[in-house]
Amino acid sequence: RVLEEAERVGFRGHSLARALRMKRSFSIGVVGAAYSDSYWAELLSALDRTARSEGYHVIICHRAADAGSGSEIRFLLDRQVDAIVMCP
């Protein structure tokens, strides 16, 4: 009955609470400076497709070419991503 009521009211579990319980967020963070050329677009598209086929989601953080990546990394770590991919 609880599951039926949850479905009826449109209940959605809290993803960060689930990540704490499971010790996995099923998220991958990507930090890089430029994604506009076709090489990076193809690479990110392939990463996203592969991640989704394995049940993961990709969070992309763009940083200015002359800026450090510290704030982006902290952002991703705060969301407890399972991996961070750094793109030059």
PDB file of N, CA and C in Angstrom:
ATOM      1  N   ARG A   1       0.814  -1.200   0.000  1.00  0.00           N
ATOM      2  CA  ARG A   1       0.000   0.000   0.000  1.00  0.00           C
ATOM      3  C   ARG A   1       0.855   1.261   0.000  1.00  0.00           C
ATOM      4  N   VAL A   2       1.967   1.206   0.707  1.00  0.00           N
ATOM      5  CA  VAL A   2       2.850   2.379   0.766  1.00  0.00           C
ATOM      6  C   VAL A   2       3.385   2.713  -0.625  1.00  0.00           C
ATOM      7  N   LEU A   3       3.826   1.700  -1.361  1.00  0.00           N
ATOM      8  CA  LEU A   3       4.348   1.931  -2.709  1.00  0.00           C
ATOM      9  C   LEU A   3       3.266   2.467  -3.644  1.00  0.00           C
ATOM     10  N   GLU A   4       2.056   1.960  -3.502  1.00  0.00           N
ATOM     11  CA  GLU A   4       0.946   2.457  -4.332  1.00  0.00           C
ATOM     12  C   GLU A   4       0.672   3.928  -4.035  1.00  0.00           C
ATOM     13  N   GLU A   5       0.659   4.292  -2.762  1.00  0.00           N
ATOM     14  CA  GLU A   5       0.412   5.696  -2.387  1.00  0.00           C
ATOM     15  C   GLU A   5       1.550   6.592  -2.856  1.00  0.00           C
ATOM     16  N   ALA A   6       2.770   6.122  -2.731  1.00  0.00           N
ATOM     17  CA  ALA A   6       3.918   6.899  -3.197  1.00  0.00           C
ATOM     18  C   ALA A   6       3.815   7.169  -4.690  1.00  0.00           C
ATOM     19  N   GLU A   7       3.413   6.164  -5.439  1.00  0.00           N
ATOM     20  CA  GLU A   7       3.231   6.348  -6.880  1.00  0.00           C
ATOM     21  C   GLU A   7       2.073   7.296  -7.168  1.00  0.00           C
ATOM     22  N   ARG A   8       1.001   7.174  -6.410  1.00  0.00           N
ATOM     23  CA  ARG A   8      -0.179   8.014  -6.628  1.00  0.00           C
ATOM     24  C   ARG A   8       0.144   9.499  -6.423  1.00  0.00           C
ATOM     25  N   VAL A   9       0.938   9.809  -5.407  1.00  0.00           N
ATOM     26  CA  VAL A   9       1.243  11.219  -5.128  1.00  0.00           C
ATOM     27  C   VAL A   9       2.485  11.704  -5.877  1.00  0.00           C
ATOM     28  N   GLY A  10       3.100  10.817  -6.650  1.00  0.00           N
ATOM     29  CA  GLY A  10       4.260  11.212  -7.445  1.00  0.00           C
ATOM     30  C   GLY A  10       5.542  11.359  -6.646  1.00  0.00           C
ATOM     31  N   PHE A  11       5.673  10.597  -5.565  1.00  0.00           N
ATOM     32  CA  PHE A  11       6.861  10.664  -4.724  1.00  0.00           C
ATOM     33  C   PHE A  11       8.103  10.285  -5.514  1.00  0.00           C
ATOM     34  N   ARG A  12       9.152  11.070  -5.321  1.00  0.00           N
ATOM     35  CA  ARG A  12      10.454  10.765  -5.908  1.00  0.00           C
ATOM     36  C   ARG A  12      11.483  10.780  -4.800  1.00  0.00           C
ATOM     37  N   GLY A  13      12.294   9.756  -4.731  1.00  0.00           N
ATOM     38  CA  GLY A  13      13.327   9.677  -3.708  1.00  0.00           C
ATOM     39  C   GLY A  13      14.369  10.773  -3.880  1.00  0.00           C
ATOM     40  N   HIS A  14      15.044  11.128  -2.811  1.00  0.00           N
ATOM     41  CA  HIS A  14      16.074  12.155  -2.828  1.00  0.00           C
ATOM     42  C   HIS A  14      17.387  11.523  -3.268  1.00  0.00           C
ATOM     43  N   SER A  15      17.935  11.973  -4.398  1.00  0.00           N
ATOM     44  CA  SER A  15      19.108  11.319  -4.977  1.00  0.00           C
ATOM     45  C   SER A  15      20.338  11.414  -4.082  1.00  0.00           C
ATOM     46  N   LEU A  16      20.539  12.534  -3.380  1.00  0.00           N
ATOM     47  CA  LEU A  16      21.706  12.635  -2.498  1.00  0.00           C
ATOM     48  C   LEU A  16      21.563  11.721  -1.282  1.00  0.00           C
ATOM     49  N   ALA A  17      20.349  11.587  -0.759  1.00  0.00           N
ATOM     50  CA  ALA A  17      20.130  10.662   0.354  1.00  0.00           C
ATOM     51  C   ALA A  17      20.391   9.228  -0.101  1.00  0.00           C
ATOM     52  N   ARG A  18      19.941   8.897  -1.304  1.00  0.00           N
ATOM     53  CA  ARG A  18      20.179   7.556  -1.852  1.00  0.00           C
ATOM     54  C   ARG A  18      21.683   7.329  -2.049  1.00  0.00           C
ATOM     55  N   ALA A  19      22.408   8.356  -2.515  1.00  0.00           N
ATOM     56  CA  ALA A  19      23.852   8.241  -2.722  1.00  0.00           C
ATOM     57  C   ALA A  19      24.569   7.991  -1.399  1.00  0.00           C
ATOM     58  N   LEU A  20      24.127   8.658  -0.334  1.00  0.00           N
ATOM     59  CA  LEU A  20      24.735   8.424   0.978  1.00  0.00           C
ATOM     60  C   LEU A  20      24.516   6.992   1.441  1.00  0.00           C
ATOM     61  N   ARG A  21      23.305   6.505   1.255  1.00  0.00           N
ATOM     62  CA  ARG A  21      22.977   5.146   1.699  1.00  0.00           C
ATOM     63  C   ARG A  21      23.748   4.100   0.900  1.00  0.00           C
ATOM     64  N   MET A  22      23.813   4.307  -0.431  1.00  0.00           N
ATOM     65  CA  MET A  22      24.449   3.315  -1.307  1.00  0.00           C
ATOM     66  C   MET A  22      25.958   3.517  -1.436  1.00  0.00           C
ATOM     67  N   LYS A  23      26.451   4.670  -0.977  1.00  0.00           N
ATOM     68  CA  LYS A  23      27.859   5.031  -1.132  1.00  0.00           C
ATOM     69  C   LYS A  23      28.258   5.130  -2.602  1.00  0.00           C
ATOM     70  N   ARG A  24      27.286   5.468  -3.460  1.00  0.00           N
ATOM     71  CA  ARG A  24      27.485   5.685  -4.896  1.00  0.00           C
ATOM     72  C   ARG A  24      26.442   6.679  -5.365  1.00  0.00           C
ATOM     73  N   SER A  25      26.843   7.580  -6.248  1.00  0.00           N
ATOM     74  CA  SER A  25      25.886   8.560  -6.765  1.00  0.00           C
ATOM     75  C   SER A  25      25.457   8.257  -8.196  1.00  0.00           C
ATOM     76  N   PHE A  26      26.147   7.342  -8.842  1.00  0.00           N
ATOM     77  CA  PHE A  26      25.902   7.036 -10.249  1.00  0.00           C
ATOM     78  C   PHE A  26      26.007   8.293 -11.102  1.00  0.00           C
ATOM     79  N   SER A  27      26.994   9.133 -10.745  1.00  0.00           N
ATOM     80  CA  SER A  27      27.278  10.369 -11.475  1.00  0.00           C
ATOM     81  C   SER A  27      28.765  10.452 -11.761  1.00  0.00           C
ATOM     82  N   ILE A  28      29.083  11.002 -12.926  1.00  0.00           N
ATOM     83  CA  ILE A  28      30.463  11.236 -13.331  1.00  0.00           C
ATOM     84  C   ILE A  28      30.581  12.713 -13.669  1.00  0.00           C
ATOM     85  N   GLY A  29      31.570  13.375 -13.108  1.00  0.00           N
ATOM     86  CA  GLY A  29      31.796  14.783 -13.401  1.00  0.00           C
ATOM     87  C   GLY A  29      32.862  14.951 -14.462  1.00  0.00           C
ATOM     88  N   VAL A  30      32.678  15.937 -15.337  1.00  0.00           N
ATOM     89  CA  VAL A  30      33.651  16.264 -16.374  1.00  0.00           C
ATOM     90  C   VAL A  30      33.990  17.739 -16.232  1.00  0.00           C
ATOM     91  N   VAL A  31      35.279  18.058 -16.169  1.00  0.00           N
ATOM     92  CA  VAL A  31      35.735  19.445 -16.081  1.00  0.00           C
ATOM     93  C   VAL A  31      36.667  19.713 -17.253  1.00  0.00           C
ATOM     94  N   GLY A  32      36.381  20.765 -18.012  1.00  0.00           N
ATOM     95  CA  GLY A  32      37.230  21.114 -19.140  1.00  0.00           C
ATOM     96  C   GLY A  32      36.995  22.534 -19.580  1.00  0.00           C
ATOM     97  N   ALA A  33      37.858  23.012 -20.469  1.00  0.00           N
ATOM     98  CA  ALA A  33      37.817  24.411 -20.883  1.00  0.00           C
ATOM     99  C   ALA A  33      37.039  24.642 -22.166  1.00  0.00           C
ATOM    100  N   ALA A  34      37.144  23.768 -23.142  1.00  0.00           N
ATOM    101  CA  ALA A  34      36.506  24.047 -24.440  1.00  0.00           C
ATOM    102  C   ALA A  34      35.844  22.789 -24.979  1.00  0.00           C
ATOM    103  N   TYR A  35      34.559  22.901 -25.237  1.00  0.00           N
ATOM    104  CA  TYR A  35      33.833  21.757 -25.788  1.00  0.00           C
ATOM    105  C   TYR A  35      33.246  22.078 -27.154  1.00  0.00           C
ATOM    106  N   SER A  36      33.643  23.192 -27.738  1.00  0.00           N
ATOM    107  CA  SER A  36      32.965  23.651 -28.945  1.00  0.00           C
ATOM    108  C   SER A  36      33.405  22.919 -30.213  1.00  0.00           C
ATOM    109  N   ASP A  37      34.645  22.411 -30.268  1.00  0.00           N
ATOM    110  CA  ASP A  37      35.029  21.761 -31.516  1.00  0.00           C
ATOM    111  C   ASP A  37      34.468  20.336 -31.570  1.00  0.00           C
ATOM    112  N   SER A  38      34.462  19.772 -32.746  1.00  0.00           N
ATOM    113  CA  SER A  38      33.785  18.491 -32.950  1.00  0.00           C
ATOM    114  C   SER A  38      34.439  17.344 -32.187  1.00  0.00           C
ATOM    115  N   TYR A  39      35.762  17.407 -31.975  1.00  0.00           N
ATOM    116  CA  TYR A  39      36.430  16.331 -31.229  1.00  0.00           C
ATOM    117  C   TYR A  39      35.838  16.205 -29.830  1.00  0.00           C
ATOM    118  N   TRP A  40      35.756  17.333 -29.094  1.00  0.00           N
ATOM    119  CA  TRP A  40      35.240  17.294 -27.731  1.00  0.00           C
ATOM    120  C   TRP A  40      33.758  16.970 -27.722  1.00  0.00           C
ATOM    121  N   ALA A  41      33.016  17.468 -28.690  1.00  0.00           N
ATOM    122  CA  ALA A  41      31.586  17.159 -28.763  1.00  0.00           C
ATOM    123  C   ALA A  41      31.379  15.660 -28.942  1.00  0.00           C
ATOM    124  N   GLU A  42      32.168  15.049 -29.820  1.00  0.00           N
ATOM    125  CA  GLU A  42      32.074  13.599 -30.047  1.00  0.00           C
ATOM    126  C   GLU A  42      32.487  12.823 -28.799  1.00  0.00           C
ATOM    127  N   LEU A  43      33.567  13.264 -28.162  1.00  0.00           N
ATOM    128  CA  LEU A  43      34.060  12.586 -26.962  1.00  0.00           C
ATOM    129  C   LEU A  43      33.024  12.639 -25.837  1.00  0.00           C
ATOM    130  N   LEU A  44      32.472  13.818 -25.588  1.00  0.00           N
ATOM    131  CA  LEU A  44      31.473  13.954 -24.526  1.00  0.00           C
ATOM    132  C   LEU A  44      30.196  13.192 -24.845  1.00  0.00           C
ATOM    133  N   SER A  45      29.813  13.187 -26.101  1.00  0.00           N
ATOM    134  CA  SER A  45      28.627  12.436 -26.501  1.00  0.00           C
ATOM    135  C   SER A  45      28.829  10.937 -26.264  1.00  0.00           C
ATOM    136  N   ALA A  46      29.995  10.426 -26.625  1.00  0.00           N
ATOM    137  CA  ALA A  46      30.292   9.003 -26.408  1.00  0.00           C
ATOM    138  C   ALA A  46      30.356   8.686 -24.917  1.00  0.00           C
ATOM    139  N   LEU A  47      30.968   9.582 -24.133  1.00  0.00           N
ATOM    140  CA  LEU A  47      31.033   9.384 -22.681  1.00  0.00           C
ATOM    141  C   LEU A  47      29.629   9.340 -22.090  1.00  0.00           C
ATOM    142  N   ASP A  48      28.777  10.269 -22.510  1.00  0.00           N
ATOM    143  CA  ASP A  48      27.411  10.320 -21.988  1.00  0.00           C
ATOM    144  C   ASP A  48      26.623   9.066 -22.363  1.00  0.00           C
ATOM    145  N   ARG A  49      26.720   8.637 -23.611  1.00  0.00           N
ATOM    146  CA  ARG A  49      26.002   7.426 -24.049  1.00  0.00           C
ATOM    147  C   ARG A  49      26.454   6.205 -23.253  1.00  0.00           C
ATOM    148  N   THR A  50      27.771   6.056 -23.099  1.00  0.00           N
ATOM    149  CA  THR A  50      28.305   4.904 -22.372  1.00  0.00           C
ATOM    150  C   THR A  50      27.908   4.947 -20.905  1.00  0.00           C
ATOM    151  N   ALA A  51      28.021   6.123 -20.304  1.00  0.00           N
ATOM    152  CA  ALA A  51      27.650   6.263 -18.892  1.00  0.00           C
ATOM    153  C   ALA A  51      26.177   5.916 -18.686  1.00  0.00           C
ATOM    154  N   ARG A  52      25.296   6.448 -19.533  1.00  0.00           N
ATOM    155  CA  ARG A  52      23.864   6.169 -19.396  1.00  0.00           C
ATOM    156  C   ARG A  52      23.554   4.690 -19.573  1.00  0.00           C
ATOM    157  N   SER A  53      24.277   4.028 -20.477  1.00  0.00           N
ATOM    158  CA  SER A  53      24.026   2.593 -20.683  1.00  0.00           C
ATOM    159  C   SER A  53      24.407   1.778 -19.443  1.00  0.00           C
ATOM    160  N   GLU A  54      25.255   2.356 -18.581  1.00  0.00           N
ATOM    161  CA  GLU A  54      25.666   1.700 -17.338  1.00  0.00           C
ATOM    162  C   GLU A  54      24.935   2.243 -16.117  1.00  0.00           C
ATOM    163  N   GLY A  55      23.935   3.121 -16.349  1.00  0.00           N
ATOM    164  CA  GLY A  55      23.134   3.647 -15.250  1.00  0.00           C
ATOM    165  C   GLY A  55      23.682   4.909 -14.605  1.00  0.00           C
ATOM    166  N   TYR A  56      24.637   5.566 -15.239  1.00  0.00           N
ATOM    167  CA  TYR A  56      25.243   6.784 -14.707  1.00  0.00           C
ATOM    168  C   TYR A  56      24.740   8.010 -15.456  1.00  0.00           C
ATOM    169  N   HIS A  57      24.932   9.168 -14.832  1.00  0.00           N
ATOM    170  CA  HIS A  57      24.657  10.451 -15.470  1.00  0.00           C
ATOM    171  C   HIS A  57      25.939  11.262 -15.453  1.00  0.00           C
ATOM    172  N   VAL A  58      26.085  12.151 -16.440  1.00  0.00           N
ATOM    173  CA  VAL A  58      27.286  12.965 -16.562  1.00  0.00           C
ATOM    174  C   VAL A  58      26.948  14.413 -16.219  1.00  0.00           C
ATOM    175  N   ILE A  59      27.780  15.015 -15.372  1.00  0.00           N
ATOM    176  CA  ILE A  59      27.648  16.429 -15.023  1.00  0.00           C
ATOM    177  C   ILE A  59      28.851  17.143 -15.642  1.00  0.00           C
ATOM    178  N   ILE A  60      28.588  18.078 -16.550  1.00  0.00           N
ATOM    179  CA  ILE A  60      29.660  18.778 -17.256  1.00  0.00           C
ATOM    180  C   ILE A  60      29.846  20.164 -16.659  1.00  0.00           C
ATOM    181  N   CYS A  61      31.086  20.481 -16.299  1.00  0.00           N
ATOM    182  CA  CYS A  61      31.444  21.802 -15.778  1.00  0.00           C
ATOM    183  C   CYS A  61      32.413  22.455 -16.751  1.00  0.00           C
ATOM    184  N   HIS A  62      32.054  23.628 -17.220  1.00  0.00           N
ATOM    185  CA  HIS A  62      32.908  24.378 -18.125  1.00  0.00           C
ATOM    186  C   HIS A  62      33.690  25.400 -17.311  1.00  0.00           C
ATOM    187  N   ARG A  63      34.970  25.555 -17.613  1.00  0.00           N
ATOM    188  CA  ARG A  63      35.767  26.577 -16.942  1.00  0.00           C
ATOM    189  C   ARG A  63      36.472  27.409 -18.000  1.00  0.00           C
ATOM    190  N   ALA A  64      36.728  28.665 -17.680  1.00  0.00           N
ATOM    191  CA  ALA A  64      37.453  29.541 -18.589  1.00  0.00           C
ATOM    192  C   ALA A  64      38.875  29.017 -18.751  1.00  0.00           C
ATOM    193  N   ALA A  65      39.436  29.189 -19.929  1.00  0.00           N
ATOM    194  CA  ALA A  65      40.765  28.641 -20.224  1.00  0.00           C
ATOM    195  C   ALA A  65      41.830  29.172 -19.281  1.00  0.00           C
ATOM    196  N   ASP A  66      41.666  30.384 -18.773  1.00  0.00           N
ATOM    197  CA  ASP A  66      42.687  30.978 -17.906  1.00  0.00           C
ATOM    198  C   ASP A  66      42.379  30.803 -16.419  1.00  0.00           C
ATOM    199  N   ALA A  67      41.329  30.066 -16.102  1.00  0.00           N
ATOM    200  CA  ALA A  67      40.935  29.884 -14.695  1.00  0.00           C
ATOM    201  C   ALA A  67      41.341  28.497 -14.209  1.00  0.00           C
ATOM    202  N   GLY A  68      41.516  28.391 -12.920  1.00  0.00           N
ATOM    203  CA  GLY A  68      41.783  27.084 -12.335  1.00  0.00           C
ATOM    204  C   GLY A  68      40.509  26.266 -12.295  1.00  0.00           C
ATOM    205  N   SER A  69      40.612  25.006 -11.920  1.00  0.00           N
ATOM    206  CA  SER A  69      39.442  24.138 -11.892  1.00  0.00           C
ATOM    207  C   SER A  69      39.015  23.797 -10.467  1.00  0.00           C
ATOM    208  N   GLY A  70      39.555  24.510  -9.475  1.00  0.00           N
ATOM    209  CA  GLY A  70      39.260  24.202  -8.077  1.00  0.00           C
ATOM    210  C   GLY A  70      37.803  24.299  -7.717  1.00  0.00           C
ATOM    211  N   SER A  71      37.121  25.354  -8.151  1.00  0.00           N
ATOM    212  CA  SER A  71      35.711  25.503  -7.776  1.00  0.00           C
ATOM    213  C   SER A  71      34.837  24.444  -8.438  1.00  0.00           C
ATOM    214  N   GLU A  72      35.168  24.069  -9.668  1.00  0.00           N
ATOM    215  CA  GLU A  72      34.400  23.021 -10.348  1.00  0.00           C
ATOM    216  C   GLU A  72      34.588  21.676  -9.650  1.00  0.00           C
ATOM    217  N   ILE A  73      35.819  21.383  -9.250  1.00  0.00           N
ATOM    218  CA  ILE A  73      36.088  20.118  -8.562  1.00  0.00           C
ATOM    219  C   ILE A  73      35.356  20.079  -7.225  1.00  0.00           C
ATOM    220  N   ARG A  74      35.390  21.186  -6.472  1.00  0.00           N
ATOM    221  CA  ARG A  74      34.651  21.238  -5.200  1.00  0.00           C
ATOM    222  C   ARG A  74      33.154  21.036  -5.441  1.00  0.00           C
ATOM    223  N   PHE A  75      32.621  21.668  -6.486  1.00  0.00           N
ATOM    224  CA  PHE A  75      31.209  21.516  -6.827  1.00  0.00           C
ATOM    225  C   PHE A  75      30.873  20.046  -7.052  1.00  0.00           C
ATOM    226  N   LEU A  76      31.697  19.353  -7.845  1.00  0.00           N
ATOM    227  CA  LEU A  76      31.438  17.945  -8.146  1.00  0.00           C
ATOM    228  C   LEU A  76      31.609  17.061  -6.917  1.00  0.00           C
ATOM    229  N   LEU A  77      32.621  17.339  -6.108  1.00  0.00           N
ATOM    230  CA  LEU A  77      32.818  16.555  -4.884  1.00  0.00           C
ATOM    231  C   LEU A  77      31.658  16.756  -3.910  1.00  0.00           C
ATOM    232  N   ASP A  78      31.111  17.975  -3.842  1.00  0.00           N
ATOM    233  CA  ASP A  78      29.946  18.226  -2.994  1.00  0.00           C
ATOM    234  C   ASP A  78      28.749  17.398  -3.431  1.00  0.00           C
ATOM    235  N   ARG A  79      28.677  17.065  -4.704  1.00  0.00           N
ATOM    236  CA  ARG A  79      27.582  16.232  -5.217  1.00  0.00           C
ATOM    237  C   ARG A  79      27.934  14.765  -5.185  1.00  0.00           C
ATOM    238  N   GLN A  80      29.069  14.434  -4.608  1.00  0.00           N
ATOM    239  CA  GLN A  80      29.515  13.061  -4.398  1.00  0.00           C
ATOM    240  C   GLN A  80      29.541  12.237  -5.683  1.00  0.00           C
ATOM    241  N   VAL A  81      30.099  12.843  -6.739  1.00  0.00           N
ATOM    242  CA  VAL A  81      30.241  12.079  -7.985  1.00  0.00           C
ATOM    243  C   VAL A  81      31.164  10.900  -7.734  1.00  0.00           C
ATOM    244  N   ASP A  82      30.987   9.850  -8.512  1.00  0.00           N
ATOM    245  CA  ASP A  82      31.795   8.658  -8.371  1.00  0.00           C
ATOM    246  C   ASP A  82      33.149   8.789  -9.076  1.00  0.00           C
ATOM    247  N   ALA A  83      33.239   9.703 -10.052  1.00  0.00           N
ATOM    248  CA  ALA A  83      34.493   9.913 -10.783  1.00  0.00           C
ATOM    249  C   ALA A  83      34.502  11.323 -11.353  1.00  0.00           C
ATOM    250  N   ILE A  84      35.705  11.846 -11.547  1.00  0.00           N
ATOM    251  CA  ILE A  84      35.869  13.143 -12.203  1.00  0.00           C
ATOM    252  C   ILE A  84      36.830  12.956 -13.363  1.00  0.00           C
ATOM    253  N   VAL A  85      36.423  13.388 -14.546  1.00  0.00           N
ATOM    254  CA  VAL A  85      37.256  13.329 -15.739  1.00  0.00           C
ATOM    255  C   VAL A  85      37.724  14.749 -16.031  1.00  0.00           C
ATOM    256  N   MET A  86      39.028  14.943 -16.088  1.00  0.00           N
ATOM    257  CA  MET A  86      39.596  16.261 -16.385  1.00  0.00           C
ATOM    258  C   MET A  86      39.995  16.290 -17.860  1.00  0.00           C
ATOM    259  N   CYS A  87      39.462  17.268 -18.592  1.00  0.00           N
ATOM    260  CA  CYS A  87      39.803  17.438 -19.999  1.00  0.00           C
ATOM    261  C   CYS A  87      40.680  18.681 -20.140  1.00  0.00           C
ATOM    262  N   PRO A  88      41.795  18.575 -20.854  1.00  0.00           N
ATOM    263  CA  PRO A  88      42.690  19.735 -20.995  1.00  0.00           C
ATOM    264  C   PRO A  88      42.052  20.841 -21.825  1.00  0.00           C
TER     265      PRO A  88
END
